[in-house]
Amino acid sequence: MLDVAVTVANGTPFNADSVNSVITIAVTNTDAVPCKTGTNAYYYISLSDGTNNETYTFVVTAPGAIEADHEETFVVENTTLDEVTTSSGVIYYTAA
């Protein structure tokens, strides 16, 4: 397995006044990912607001290679993060 860097494009609270708000995480991979068709790609994302940190893992069934600059969007419940100031991630996959 290889790690491929991803960029978290945004994390937008639906309700910034709620401690149980929900955020949308848009993840754009910077390079093409040569996934084997029909296998799973696992997006491992870390977000921080400078004080609190959260990590998430999302699974997507790969239809084959994931093109560079492809965007996947995930929605998560947010009970700990304020404004996201740093983010990072990798994609784990089965090579074609």
N, C-alpha and C. Protein backbone atom coordinates (compact mmCIF):
# COMPACT_ATOMS: atom_id res chain seq x y z
N MET A 1 0.84 -1.18 0.00
CA MET A 1 0.00 0.00 0.00
C MET A 1 0.88 1.25 0.00
N LEU A 2 0.42 2.28 -0.67
CA LEU A 2 1.13 3.55 -0.72
C LEU A 2 0.26 4.64 -0.13
N ASP A 3 0.88 5.66 0.43
CA ASP A 3 0.16 6.82 0.94
C ASP A 3 0.19 7.91 -0.12
N VAL A 4 -0.94 8.57 -0.33
CA VAL A 4 -1.02 9.67 -1.26
C VAL A 4 -1.55 10.87 -0.51
N ALA A 5 -0.84 11.98 -0.57
CA ALA A 5 -1.27 13.18 0.15
C ALA A 5 -2.57 13.72 -0.42
N VAL A 6 -3.43 14.23 0.45
CA VAL A 6 -4.69 14.85 0.05
C VAL A 6 -4.77 16.23 0.69
N THR A 7 -5.61 17.05 0.14
CA THR A 7 -5.84 18.39 0.67
C THR A 7 -7.29 18.49 1.11
N VAL A 8 -7.51 18.93 2.33
CA VAL A 8 -8.88 19.17 2.78
C VAL A 8 -9.27 20.55 2.28
N ALA A 9 -10.22 20.59 1.36
CA ALA A 9 -10.59 21.84 0.71
C ALA A 9 -11.39 22.76 1.63
N ASN A 10 -12.26 22.19 2.45
CA ASN A 10 -13.01 23.03 3.38
C ASN A 10 -13.63 22.17 4.46
N GLY A 11 -13.96 22.80 5.54
CA GLY A 11 -14.71 22.20 6.63
C GLY A 11 -15.69 23.25 7.07
N THR A 12 -16.92 23.13 6.68
CA THR A 12 -17.90 24.18 6.90
C THR A 12 -18.96 23.74 7.89
N PRO A 13 -19.08 24.44 9.03
CA PRO A 13 -20.13 24.08 9.98
C PRO A 13 -21.50 24.46 9.44
N PHE A 14 -22.48 23.55 9.58
CA PHE A 14 -23.84 23.88 9.20
C PHE A 14 -24.47 24.81 10.24
N ASN A 15 -24.06 24.66 11.49
CA ASN A 15 -24.60 25.48 12.57
C ASN A 15 -23.47 25.76 13.54
N ALA A 16 -22.82 26.91 13.39
CA ALA A 16 -21.66 27.24 14.21
C ALA A 16 -22.02 27.46 15.67
N ASP A 17 -23.29 27.68 15.99
CA ASP A 17 -23.71 27.93 17.37
C ASP A 17 -23.98 26.65 18.14
N SER A 18 -23.97 25.52 17.48
CA SER A 18 -24.31 24.26 18.11
C SER A 18 -23.05 23.45 18.41
N VAL A 19 -22.95 22.92 19.64
CA VAL A 19 -21.81 22.06 19.96
C VAL A 19 -21.92 20.72 19.23
N ASN A 20 -23.08 20.42 18.70
CA ASN A 20 -23.28 19.18 17.95
C ASN A 20 -23.42 19.47 16.46
N SER A 21 -22.73 20.50 15.99
CA SER A 21 -22.83 20.86 14.58
C SER A 21 -22.27 19.77 13.69
N VAL A 22 -22.53 19.90 12.44
CA VAL A 22 -22.08 18.94 11.43
C VAL A 22 -21.20 19.71 10.46
N ILE A 23 -20.09 19.10 10.05
CA ILE A 23 -19.23 19.76 9.06
C ILE A 23 -19.12 18.91 7.81
N THR A 24 -18.92 19.59 6.71
CA THR A 24 -18.67 18.93 5.43
C THR A 24 -17.18 19.01 5.16
N ILE A 25 -16.58 17.87 4.85
CA ILE A 25 -15.15 17.81 4.54
C ILE A 25 -15.02 17.43 3.07
N ALA A 26 -14.49 18.34 2.27
CA ALA A 26 -14.23 18.06 0.86
C ALA A 26 -12.76 17.73 0.72
N VAL A 27 -12.45 16.54 0.22
CA VAL A 27 -11.07 16.06 0.11
C VAL A 27 -10.71 15.94 -1.37
N THR A 28 -9.63 16.60 -1.75
CA THR A 28 -9.16 16.55 -3.13
C THR A 28 -7.77 15.92 -3.15
N ASN A 29 -7.63 14.79 -3.84
CA ASN A 29 -6.30 14.18 -3.93
C ASN A 29 -5.46 14.96 -4.94
N THR A 30 -4.19 15.11 -4.63
CA THR A 30 -3.31 15.91 -5.48
C THR A 30 -2.74 15.12 -6.65
N ASP A 31 -2.63 13.82 -6.50
CA ASP A 31 -2.08 12.96 -7.55
C ASP A 31 -3.09 11.89 -7.94
N ALA A 32 -2.92 11.31 -9.11
CA ALA A 32 -3.75 10.18 -9.51
C ALA A 32 -3.46 9.00 -8.59
N VAL A 33 -4.49 8.23 -8.28
CA VAL A 33 -4.36 7.07 -7.39
C VAL A 33 -4.74 5.83 -8.20
N PRO A 34 -3.78 4.95 -8.50
CA PRO A 34 -4.04 3.80 -9.36
C PRO A 34 -4.70 2.63 -8.61
N CYS A 35 -5.94 2.83 -8.19
CA CYS A 35 -6.67 1.80 -7.44
C CYS A 35 -7.09 0.64 -8.35
N LYS A 36 -7.10 -0.53 -7.79
CA LYS A 36 -7.62 -1.69 -8.48
C LYS A 36 -9.14 -1.60 -8.46
N THR A 37 -9.77 -1.82 -9.59
CA THR A 37 -11.23 -1.74 -9.72
C THR A 37 -11.93 -2.65 -8.72
N GLY A 38 -12.96 -2.10 -8.06
CA GLY A 38 -13.79 -2.88 -7.14
C GLY A 38 -13.22 -3.05 -5.75
N THR A 39 -12.05 -2.46 -5.48
CA THR A 39 -11.48 -2.54 -4.14
C THR A 39 -11.84 -1.27 -3.37
N ASN A 40 -11.52 -1.24 -2.10
CA ASN A 40 -11.82 -0.06 -1.28
C ASN A 40 -10.64 0.89 -1.24
N ALA A 41 -10.96 2.18 -1.26
CA ALA A 41 -9.98 3.23 -0.99
C ALA A 41 -10.37 3.82 0.36
N TYR A 42 -9.40 3.94 1.25
CA TYR A 42 -9.65 4.47 2.59
C TYR A 42 -9.04 5.85 2.72
N TYR A 43 -9.88 6.83 2.99
CA TYR A 43 -9.43 8.21 3.20
C TYR A 43 -9.23 8.41 4.70
N TYR A 44 -8.00 8.72 5.10
CA TYR A 44 -7.67 8.94 6.51
C TYR A 44 -7.36 10.43 6.65
N ILE A 45 -8.22 11.15 7.38
CA ILE A 45 -8.15 12.61 7.45
C ILE A 45 -7.92 13.05 8.88
N SER A 46 -7.00 14.00 9.09
CA SER A 46 -6.76 14.60 10.39
C SER A 46 -7.07 16.09 10.30
N LEU A 47 -7.86 16.59 11.26
CA LEU A 47 -8.21 18.00 11.32
C LEU A 47 -7.85 18.53 12.70
N SER A 48 -7.47 19.81 12.77
CA SER A 48 -7.16 20.44 14.05
C SER A 48 -7.61 21.88 14.04
N ASP A 49 -8.02 22.37 15.21
CA ASP A 49 -8.33 23.79 15.37
C ASP A 49 -7.24 24.50 16.17
N GLY A 50 -6.11 23.85 16.35
CA GLY A 50 -5.01 24.39 17.12
C GLY A 50 -5.00 23.89 18.56
N THR A 51 -6.16 23.48 19.06
CA THR A 51 -6.28 22.95 20.41
C THR A 51 -6.76 21.51 20.38
N ASN A 52 -7.80 21.26 19.62
CA ASN A 52 -8.40 19.93 19.51
C ASN A 52 -8.05 19.29 18.18
N ASN A 53 -7.93 17.96 18.19
CA ASN A 53 -7.63 17.21 16.97
C ASN A 53 -8.67 16.12 16.78
N GLU A 54 -9.04 15.87 15.55
CA GLU A 54 -9.95 14.78 15.20
C GLU A 54 -9.39 14.05 13.99
N THR A 55 -9.55 12.73 13.99
CA THR A 55 -9.18 11.93 12.82
C THR A 55 -10.40 11.15 12.37
N TYR A 56 -10.52 10.99 11.08
CA TYR A 56 -11.65 10.29 10.48
C TYR A 56 -11.12 9.33 9.42
N THR A 57 -11.80 8.20 9.26
CA THR A 57 -11.50 7.28 8.17
C THR A 57 -12.78 7.03 7.41
N PHE A 58 -12.73 7.21 6.10
CA PHE A 58 -13.87 7.00 5.23
C PHE A 58 -13.50 5.96 4.19
N VAL A 59 -14.45 5.11 3.82
CA VAL A 59 -14.20 4.10 2.81
C VAL A 59 -15.05 4.38 1.58
N VAL A 60 -14.43 4.25 0.41
CA VAL A 60 -15.11 4.45 -0.87
C VAL A 60 -14.73 3.27 -1.75
N THR A 61 -15.70 2.66 -2.40
CA THR A 61 -15.40 1.59 -3.36
C THR A 61 -14.87 2.23 -4.63
N ALA A 62 -13.67 1.87 -5.00
CA ALA A 62 -13.00 2.48 -6.15
C ALA A 62 -13.50 1.86 -7.45
N PRO A 63 -13.95 2.71 -8.39
CA PRO A 63 -14.37 2.20 -9.70
C PRO A 63 -13.17 1.93 -10.60
N GLY A 64 -12.00 2.13 -10.09
CA GLY A 64 -10.75 2.03 -10.85
C GLY A 64 -9.88 3.18 -10.40
N ALA A 65 -8.95 3.59 -11.25
CA ALA A 65 -8.04 4.68 -10.90
C ALA A 65 -8.83 5.93 -10.52
N ILE A 66 -8.35 6.60 -9.49
CA ILE A 66 -8.94 7.88 -9.07
C ILE A 66 -8.08 8.97 -9.71
N GLU A 67 -8.69 9.80 -10.52
CA GLU A 67 -7.96 10.84 -11.25
C GLU A 67 -7.41 11.89 -10.29
N ALA A 68 -6.32 12.55 -10.69
CA ALA A 68 -5.79 13.68 -9.92
C ALA A 68 -6.85 14.76 -9.82
N ASP A 69 -6.89 15.45 -8.72
CA ASP A 69 -7.84 16.54 -8.45
C ASP A 69 -9.27 16.06 -8.30
N HIS A 70 -9.47 14.77 -8.08
CA HIS A 70 -10.81 14.23 -7.82
C HIS A 70 -11.23 14.64 -6.41
N GLU A 71 -12.48 15.03 -6.25
CA GLU A 71 -12.97 15.46 -4.94
C GLU A 71 -13.98 14.47 -4.39
N GLU A 72 -13.81 14.09 -3.14
CA GLU A 72 -14.79 13.29 -2.39
C GLU A 72 -15.27 14.17 -1.24
N THR A 73 -16.56 14.09 -0.94
CA THR A 73 -17.13 14.89 0.13
C THR A 73 -17.71 13.97 1.20
N PHE A 74 -17.39 14.28 2.45
CA PHE A 74 -17.86 13.51 3.59
C PHE A 74 -18.50 14.46 4.60
N VAL A 75 -19.51 13.97 5.30
CA VAL A 75 -20.19 14.76 6.32
C VAL A 75 -20.00 14.06 7.66
N VAL A 76 -19.59 14.83 8.67
CA VAL A 76 -19.35 14.27 10.00
C VAL A 76 -19.98 15.15 11.06
N GLU A 77 -20.30 14.53 12.18
CA GLU A 77 -20.75 15.29 13.35
C GLU A 77 -19.53 15.93 13.99
N ASN A 78 -19.64 17.19 14.38
CA ASN A 78 -18.54 17.89 15.00
C ASN A 78 -18.92 18.33 16.41
N THR A 79 -18.28 17.72 17.40
CA THR A 79 -18.56 18.10 18.79
C THR A 79 -17.35 18.72 19.47
N THR A 80 -16.18 18.78 18.78
CA THR A 80 -14.97 19.25 19.45
C THR A 80 -14.23 20.37 18.73
N LEU A 81 -14.35 20.48 17.43
CA LEU A 81 -13.52 21.43 16.69
C LEU A 81 -14.19 22.79 16.54
N ASP A 82 -13.37 23.84 16.71
CA ASP A 82 -13.79 25.18 16.31
C ASP A 82 -13.35 25.33 14.86
N GLU A 83 -12.93 26.49 14.46
CA GLU A 83 -12.49 26.68 13.08
C GLU A 83 -11.27 25.81 12.80
N VAL A 84 -11.33 25.03 11.73
CA VAL A 84 -10.22 24.14 11.36
C VAL A 84 -9.07 24.99 10.83
N THR A 85 -7.89 24.82 11.45
CA THR A 85 -6.73 25.60 11.04
C THR A 85 -5.67 24.75 10.34
N THR A 86 -5.64 23.45 10.61
CA THR A 86 -4.70 22.57 9.92
C THR A 86 -5.39 21.27 9.56
N SER A 87 -4.95 20.70 8.45
CA SER A 87 -5.53 19.44 8.00
C SER A 87 -4.50 18.67 7.20
N SER A 88 -4.66 17.35 7.20
CA SER A 88 -3.79 16.49 6.40
C SER A 88 -4.51 15.19 6.18
N GLY A 89 -3.97 14.37 5.30
CA GLY A 89 -4.59 13.09 5.07
C GLY A 89 -3.83 12.23 4.09
N VAL A 90 -4.22 10.99 4.03
CA VAL A 90 -3.66 10.03 3.08
C VAL A 90 -4.79 9.17 2.54
N ILE A 91 -4.52 8.53 1.41
CA ILE A 91 -5.44 7.56 0.85
C ILE A 91 -4.72 6.21 0.84
N TYR A 92 -5.32 5.21 1.45
CA TYR A 92 -4.79 3.84 1.42
C TYR A 92 -5.59 3.08 0.38
N TYR A 93 -4.92 2.32 -0.49
CA TYR A 93 -5.61 1.65 -1.58
C TYR A 93 -4.86 0.40 -2.02
N THR A 94 -5.57 -0.43 -2.79
CA THR A 94 -4.97 -1.61 -3.42
C THR A 94 -4.54 -1.21 -4.82
N ALA A 95 -3.28 -1.35 -5.11
CA ALA A 95 -2.78 -0.93 -6.42
C ALA A 95 -3.33 -1.80 -7.54
N ALA A 96 -3.54 -1.18 -8.69
CA ALA A 96 -4.06 -1.88 -9.87
C ALA A 96 -2.99 -2.78 -10.46
